[in-house]
């Protein structure tokens, strides 16, 4: 993934979040929860994009026979 696509994606997500916060009337608590969820999702996505966070499917559980 190129740096330009990362920056463009972050800008689009930021603008969409700003539009939702500005033009959709909702309670302040709901806006705060929405902002936290979006920020957590973007951070996890960035960790995957930079290879810091691996796939969760790589965890092996030993078989009991």
PDB file of N, CA and C in Angstrom:
ATOM      1  N   UNK A   1       0.859  -1.172   0.000  1.00  0.00           N
ATOM      2  CA  UNK A   1       0.000   0.000   0.000  1.00  0.00           C
ATOM      3  C   UNK A   1       0.905   1.236   0.000  1.00  0.00           C
ATOM      4  N   UNK A   2       0.630   2.136  -0.887  1.00  0.00           N
ATOM      5  CA  UNK A   2       1.486   3.307  -1.003  1.00  0.00           C
ATOM      6  C   UNK A   2       1.129   4.365   0.040  1.00  0.00           C
ATOM      7  N   UNK A   3       2.058   5.239   0.267  1.00  0.00           N
ATOM      8  CA  UNK A   3       1.869   6.298   1.254  1.00  0.00           C
ATOM      9  C   UNK A   3       0.756   7.256   0.832  1.00  0.00           C
ATOM     10  N   UNK A   4       0.636   7.478  -0.464  1.00  0.00           N
ATOM     11  CA  UNK A   4      -0.404   8.385  -0.961  1.00  0.00           C
ATOM     12  C   UNK A   4      -1.793   7.812  -0.683  1.00  0.00           C
ATOM     13  N   UNK A   5      -1.965   6.514  -0.896  1.00  0.00           N
ATOM     14  CA  UNK A   5      -3.272   5.916  -0.622  1.00  0.00           C
ATOM     15  C   UNK A   5      -3.594   5.930   0.871  1.00  0.00           C
ATOM     16  N   UNK A   6      -2.581   5.765   1.715  1.00  0.00           N
ATOM     17  CA  UNK A   6      -2.797   5.882   3.160  1.00  0.00           C
ATOM     18  C   UNK A   6      -3.282   7.276   3.541  1.00  0.00           C
ATOM     19  N   UNK A   7      -2.609   8.276   3.013  1.00  0.00           N
ATOM     20  CA  UNK A   7      -2.971   9.660   3.336  1.00  0.00           C
ATOM     21  C   UNK A   7      -4.357  10.000   2.802  1.00  0.00           C
ATOM     22  N   UNK A   8      -4.655   9.571   1.588  1.00  0.00           N
ATOM     23  CA  UNK A   8      -5.974   9.849   1.007  1.00  0.00           C
ATOM     24  C   UNK A   8      -7.071   9.163   1.824  1.00  0.00           C
ATOM     25  N   UNK A   9      -6.828   7.924   2.236  1.00  0.00           N
ATOM     26  CA  UNK A   9      -7.813   7.209   3.043  1.00  0.00           C
ATOM     27  C   UNK A   9      -8.035   7.901   4.386  1.00  0.00           C
ATOM     28  N   UNK A  10      -6.965   8.335   5.029  1.00  0.00           N
ATOM     29  CA  UNK A  10      -7.102   9.046   6.302  1.00  0.00           C
ATOM     30  C   UNK A  10      -7.862  10.357   6.132  1.00  0.00           C
ATOM     31  N   UNK A  11      -7.612  11.061   5.044  1.00  0.00           N
ATOM     32  CA  UNK A  11      -8.330  12.315   4.783  1.00  0.00           C
ATOM     33  C   UNK A  11      -9.809  12.047   4.554  1.00  0.00           C
ATOM     34  N   UNK A  12     -10.130  11.014   3.772  1.00  0.00           N
ATOM     35  CA  UNK A  12     -11.533  10.686   3.503  1.00  0.00           C
ATOM     36  C   UNK A  12     -12.256  10.289   4.785  1.00  0.00           C
ATOM     37  N   UNK A  13     -11.625   9.457   5.603  1.00  0.00           N
ATOM     38  CA  UNK A  13     -12.244   9.057   6.869  1.00  0.00           C
ATOM     39  C   UNK A  13     -12.438  10.267   7.776  1.00  0.00           C
ATOM     40  N   UNK A  14     -11.457  11.143   7.823  1.00  0.00           N
ATOM     41  CA  UNK A  14     -11.572  12.348   8.649  1.00  0.00           C
ATOM     42  C   UNK A  14     -12.690  13.271   8.188  1.00  0.00           C
ATOM     43  N   UNK A  15     -12.796  13.462   6.888  1.00  0.00           N
ATOM     44  CA  UNK A  15     -13.856  14.327   6.355  1.00  0.00           C
ATOM     45  C   UNK A  15     -15.234  13.712   6.595  1.00  0.00           C
ATOM     46  N   UNK A  16     -15.349  12.395   6.402  1.00  0.00           N
ATOM     47  CA  UNK A  16     -16.633  11.739   6.664  1.00  0.00           C
ATOM     48  C   UNK A  16     -17.022  11.831   8.140  1.00  0.00           C
ATOM     49  N   UNK A  17     -16.060  11.650   9.029  1.00  0.00           N
ATOM     50  CA  UNK A  17     -16.348  11.771  10.454  1.00  0.00           C
ATOM     51  C   UNK A  17     -16.740  13.198  10.809  1.00  0.00           C
ATOM     52  N   UNK A  18     -16.073  14.170  10.221  1.00  0.00           N
ATOM     53  CA  UNK A  18     -16.420  15.574  10.464  1.00  0.00           C
ATOM     54  C   UNK A  18     -17.835  15.875   9.959  1.00  0.00           C
ATOM     55  N   UNK A  19     -18.179  15.358   8.766  1.00  0.00           N
ATOM     56  CA  UNK A  19     -19.517  15.584   8.224  1.00  0.00           C
ATOM     57  C   UNK A  19     -20.588  14.972   9.121  1.00  0.00           C
ATOM     58  N   UNK A  20     -20.340  13.760   9.604  1.00  0.00           N
ATOM     59  CA  UNK A  20     -21.310  13.114  10.500  1.00  0.00           C
ATOM     60  C   UNK A  20     -21.448  13.907  11.790  1.00  0.00           C
ATOM     61  N   UNK A  21     -20.326  14.337  12.351  1.00  0.00           N
ATOM     62  CA  UNK A  21     -20.377  15.091  13.607  1.00  0.00           C
ATOM     63  C   UNK A  21     -21.034  16.457  13.434  1.00  0.00           C
ATOM     64  N   UNK A  22     -20.887  17.046  12.269  1.00  0.00           N
ATOM     65  CA  UNK A  22     -21.397  18.398  12.059  1.00  0.00           C
ATOM     66  C   UNK A  22     -22.862  18.417  11.646  1.00  0.00           C
ATOM     67  N   UNK A  23     -23.247  17.546  10.721  1.00  0.00           N
ATOM     68  CA  UNK A  23     -24.551  17.683  10.092  1.00  0.00           C
ATOM     69  C   UNK A  23     -25.609  16.670  10.537  1.00  0.00           C
ATOM     70  N   UNK A  24     -25.230  15.656  11.292  1.00  0.00           N
ATOM     71  CA  UNK A  24     -26.218  14.703  11.781  1.00  0.00           C
ATOM     72  C   UNK A  24     -26.462  14.977  13.261  1.00  0.00           C
ATOM     73  N   UNK A  25     -27.675  15.368  13.614  1.00  0.00           N
ATOM     74  CA  UNK A  25     -27.945  15.681  15.024  1.00  0.00           C
ATOM     75  C   UNK A  25     -28.051  14.408  15.861  1.00  0.00           C
ATOM     76  N   UNK A  26     -27.219  14.333  16.874  1.00  0.00           N
ATOM     77  CA  UNK A  26     -27.284  13.220  17.813  1.00  0.00           C
ATOM     78  C   UNK A  26     -26.699  13.666  19.143  1.00  0.00           C
ATOM     79  N   UNK A  27     -26.952  12.868  20.154  1.00  0.00           N
ATOM     80  CA  UNK A  27     -26.496  13.185  21.495  1.00  0.00           C
ATOM     81  C   UNK A  27     -24.964  13.202  21.550  1.00  0.00           C
ATOM     82  N   UNK A  28     -24.427  14.000  22.460  1.00  0.00           N
ATOM     83  CA  UNK A  28     -22.982  14.122  22.594  1.00  0.00           C
ATOM     84  C   UNK A  28     -22.304  12.827  22.985  1.00  0.00           C
ATOM     85  N   UNK A  29     -22.994  12.020  23.798  1.00  0.00           N
ATOM     86  CA  UNK A  29     -22.414  10.732  24.207  1.00  0.00           C
ATOM     87  C   UNK A  29     -22.271   9.798  23.014  1.00  0.00           C
ATOM     88  N   UNK A  30     -23.265   9.810  22.122  1.00  0.00           N
ATOM     89  CA  UNK A  30     -23.209   8.953  20.937  1.00  0.00           C
ATOM     90  C   UNK A  30     -22.095   9.423  20.004  1.00  0.00           C
ATOM     91  N   UNK A  31     -21.928  10.734  19.865  1.00  0.00           N
ATOM     92  CA  UNK A  31     -20.845  11.255  19.035  1.00  0.00           C
ATOM     93  C   UNK A  31     -19.487  10.846  19.586  1.00  0.00           C
ATOM     94  N   UNK A  32     -19.354  10.899  20.898  1.00  0.00           N
ATOM     95  CA  UNK A  32     -18.082  10.533  21.519  1.00  0.00           C
ATOM     96  C   UNK A  32     -17.784   9.055  21.278  1.00  0.00           C
ATOM     97  N   UNK A  33     -18.798   8.194  21.432  1.00  0.00           N
ATOM     98  CA  UNK A  33     -18.611   6.763  21.193  1.00  0.00           C
ATOM     99  C   UNK A  33     -18.259   6.507  19.730  1.00  0.00           C
ATOM    100  N   UNK A  34     -18.948   7.184  18.824  1.00  0.00           N
ATOM    101  CA  UNK A  34     -18.663   7.043  17.398  1.00  0.00           C
ATOM    102  C   UNK A  34     -17.227   7.456  17.075  1.00  0.00           C
ATOM    103  N   UNK A  35     -16.793   8.570  17.633  1.00  0.00           N
ATOM    104  CA  UNK A  35     -15.425   9.039  17.396  1.00  0.00           C
ATOM    105  C   UNK A  35     -14.397   8.040  17.921  1.00  0.00           C
ATOM    106  N   UNK A  36     -14.640   7.485  19.104  1.00  0.00           N
ATOM    107  CA  UNK A  36     -13.702   6.521  19.682  1.00  0.00           C
ATOM    108  C   UNK A  36     -13.635   5.262  18.827  1.00  0.00           C
ATOM    109  N   UNK A  37     -14.787   4.778  18.370  1.00  0.00           N
ATOM    110  CA  UNK A  37     -14.813   3.566  17.540  1.00  0.00           C
ATOM    111  C   UNK A  37     -14.071   3.798  16.231  1.00  0.00           C
ATOM    112  N   UNK A  38     -14.285   4.947  15.600  1.00  0.00           N
ATOM    113  CA  UNK A  38     -13.612   5.237  14.330  1.00  0.00           C
ATOM    114  C   UNK A  38     -12.108   5.354  14.534  1.00  0.00           C
ATOM    115  N   UNK A  39     -11.678   6.016  15.596  1.00  0.00           N
ATOM    116  CA  UNK A  39     -10.244   6.168  15.856  1.00  0.00           C
ATOM    117  C   UNK A  39      -9.605   4.808  16.127  1.00  0.00           C
ATOM    118  N   UNK A  40     -10.253   3.956  16.904  1.00  0.00           N
ATOM    119  CA  UNK A  40      -9.707   2.625  17.179  1.00  0.00           C
ATOM    120  C   UNK A  40      -9.609   1.810  15.889  1.00  0.00           C
ATOM    121  N   UNK A  41     -10.635   1.875  15.061  1.00  0.00           N
ATOM    122  CA  UNK A  41     -10.608   1.151  13.783  1.00  0.00           C
ATOM    123  C   UNK A  41      -9.487   1.646  12.879  1.00  0.00           C
ATOM    124  N   UNK A  42      -9.285   2.944  12.819  1.00  0.00           N
ATOM    125  CA  UNK A  42      -8.221   3.500  11.971  1.00  0.00           C
ATOM    126  C   UNK A  42      -6.846   3.114  12.508  1.00  0.00           C
ATOM    127  N   UNK A  43      -6.664   3.132  13.818  1.00  0.00           N
ATOM    128  CA  UNK A  43      -5.372   2.746  14.399  1.00  0.00           C
ATOM    129  C   UNK A  43      -5.084   1.274  14.120  1.00  0.00           C
ATOM    130  N   UNK A  44      -6.070   0.403  14.295  1.00  0.00           N
ATOM    131  CA  UNK A  44      -5.865  -1.022  14.011  1.00  0.00           C
ATOM    132  C   UNK A  44      -5.570  -1.227  12.532  1.00  0.00           C
ATOM    133  N   UNK A  45      -6.277  -0.514  11.662  1.00  0.00           N
ATOM    134  CA  UNK A  45      -6.030  -0.618  10.226  1.00  0.00           C
ATOM    135  C   UNK A  45      -4.605  -0.168   9.881  1.00  0.00           C
ATOM    136  N   UNK A  46      -4.141   0.906  10.510  1.00  0.00           N
ATOM    137  CA  UNK A  46      -2.775   1.375  10.267  1.00  0.00           C
ATOM    138  C   UNK A  46      -1.749   0.369  10.769  1.00  0.00           C
ATOM    139  N   UNK A  47      -2.015  -0.252  11.910  1.00  0.00           N
ATOM    140  CA  UNK A  47      -1.097  -1.266  12.424  1.00  0.00           C
ATOM    141  C   UNK A  47      -1.005  -2.450  11.465  1.00  0.00           C
ATOM    142  N   UNK A  48      -2.130  -2.863  10.890  1.00  0.00           N
ATOM    143  CA  UNK A  48      -2.109  -3.912   9.872  1.00  0.00           C
ATOM    144  C   UNK A  48      -1.379  -3.443   8.617  1.00  0.00           C
ATOM    145  N   UNK A  49      -1.609  -2.205   8.222  1.00  0.00           N
ATOM    146  CA  UNK A  49      -1.015  -1.689   6.985  1.00  0.00           C
ATOM    147  C   UNK A  49       0.508  -1.619   7.076  1.00  0.00           C
ATOM    148  N   UNK A  50       1.026  -1.277   8.248  1.00  0.00           N
ATOM    149  CA  UNK A  50       2.473  -1.177   8.413  1.00  0.00           C
ATOM    150  C   UNK A  50       3.097  -2.499   8.844  1.00  0.00           C
ATOM    151  N   UNK A  51       2.290  -3.536   9.011  1.00  0.00           N
ATOM    152  CA  UNK A  51       2.816  -4.849   9.333  1.00  0.00           C
ATOM    153  C   UNK A  51       3.177  -5.046  10.790  1.00  0.00           C
ATOM    154  N   UNK A  52       2.777  -4.135  11.646  1.00  0.00           N
ATOM    155  CA  UNK A  52       3.080  -4.260  13.071  1.00  0.00           C
ATOM    156  C   UNK A  52       2.175  -5.303  13.709  1.00  0.00           C
ATOM    157  N   UNK A  53       0.947  -5.352  13.261  1.00  0.00           N
ATOM    158  CA  UNK A  53      -0.035  -6.289  13.787  1.00  0.00           C
ATOM    159  C   UNK A  53      -0.244  -7.383  12.752  1.00  0.00           C
ATOM    160  N   UNK A  54      -0.091  -8.617  13.181  1.00  0.00           N
ATOM    161  CA  UNK A  54      -0.252  -9.741  12.259  1.00  0.00           C
ATOM    162  C   UNK A  54      -1.689 -10.213  12.213  1.00  0.00           C
ATOM    163  N   UNK A  55      -1.914 -11.242  11.435  1.00  0.00           N
ATOM    164  CA  UNK A  55      -3.254 -11.802  11.315  1.00  0.00           C
ATOM    165  C   UNK A  55      -3.594 -12.605  12.565  1.00  0.00           C
ATOM    166  N   UNK A  56      -4.809 -12.472  13.021  1.00  0.00           N
ATOM    167  CA  UNK A  56      -5.227 -13.187  14.227  1.00  0.00           C
ATOM    168  C   UNK A  56      -5.348 -14.678  13.971  1.00  0.00           C
ATOM    169  N   UNK A  57      -5.430 -15.091  12.732  1.00  0.00           N
ATOM    170  CA  UNK A  57      -5.537 -16.495  12.403  1.00  0.00           C
ATOM    171  C   UNK A  57      -4.240 -17.264  12.579  1.00  0.00           C
ATOM    172  N   UNK A  58      -3.138 -16.580  12.860  1.00  0.00           N
ATOM    173  CA  UNK A  58      -1.846 -17.235  13.006  1.00  0.00           C
ATOM    174  C   UNK A  58      -1.655 -17.870  14.376  1.00  0.00           C
ATOM    175  N   UNK A  59      -2.591 -17.698  15.288  1.00  0.00           N
ATOM    176  CA  UNK A  59      -2.466 -18.267  16.626  1.00  0.00           C
ATOM    177  C   UNK A  59      -2.793 -19.753  16.542  1.00  0.00           C
ATOM    178  N   UNK A  60      -1.891 -20.577  17.028  1.00  0.00           N
ATOM    179  CA  UNK A  60      -2.094 -22.016  16.965  1.00  0.00           C
ATOM    180  C   UNK A  60      -2.480 -22.549  18.340  1.00  0.00           C
ATOM    181  N   UNK A  61      -3.469 -23.401  18.349  1.00  0.00           N
ATOM    182  CA  UNK A  61      -3.904 -24.064  19.571  1.00  0.00           C
ATOM    183  C   UNK A  61      -3.573 -25.533  19.422  1.00  0.00           C
ATOM    184  N   UNK A  62      -2.837 -26.111  20.379  1.00  0.00           N
ATOM    185  CA  UNK A  62      -2.483 -27.523  20.245  1.00  0.00           C
ATOM    186  C   UNK A  62      -3.707 -28.436  20.344  1.00  0.00           C
ATOM    187  N   UNK A  63      -3.664 -29.508  19.595  1.00  0.00           N
ATOM    188  CA  UNK A  63      -4.774 -30.465  19.610  1.00  0.00           C
ATOM    189  C   UNK A  63      -4.573 -31.436  20.763  1.00  0.00           C
ATOM    190  N   UNK A  64      -5.658 -31.751  21.438  1.00  0.00           N
ATOM    191  CA  UNK A  64      -5.626 -32.720  22.520  1.00  0.00           C
ATOM    192  C   UNK A  64      -6.133 -34.046  21.983  1.00  0.00           C
ATOM    193  N   UNK A  65      -5.340 -35.103  22.142  1.00  0.00           N
ATOM    194  CA  UNK A  65      -5.725 -36.426  21.624  1.00  0.00           C
ATOM    195  C   UNK A  65      -5.982 -37.376  22.752  1.00  0.00           C
TER     196      UNK A  65
END
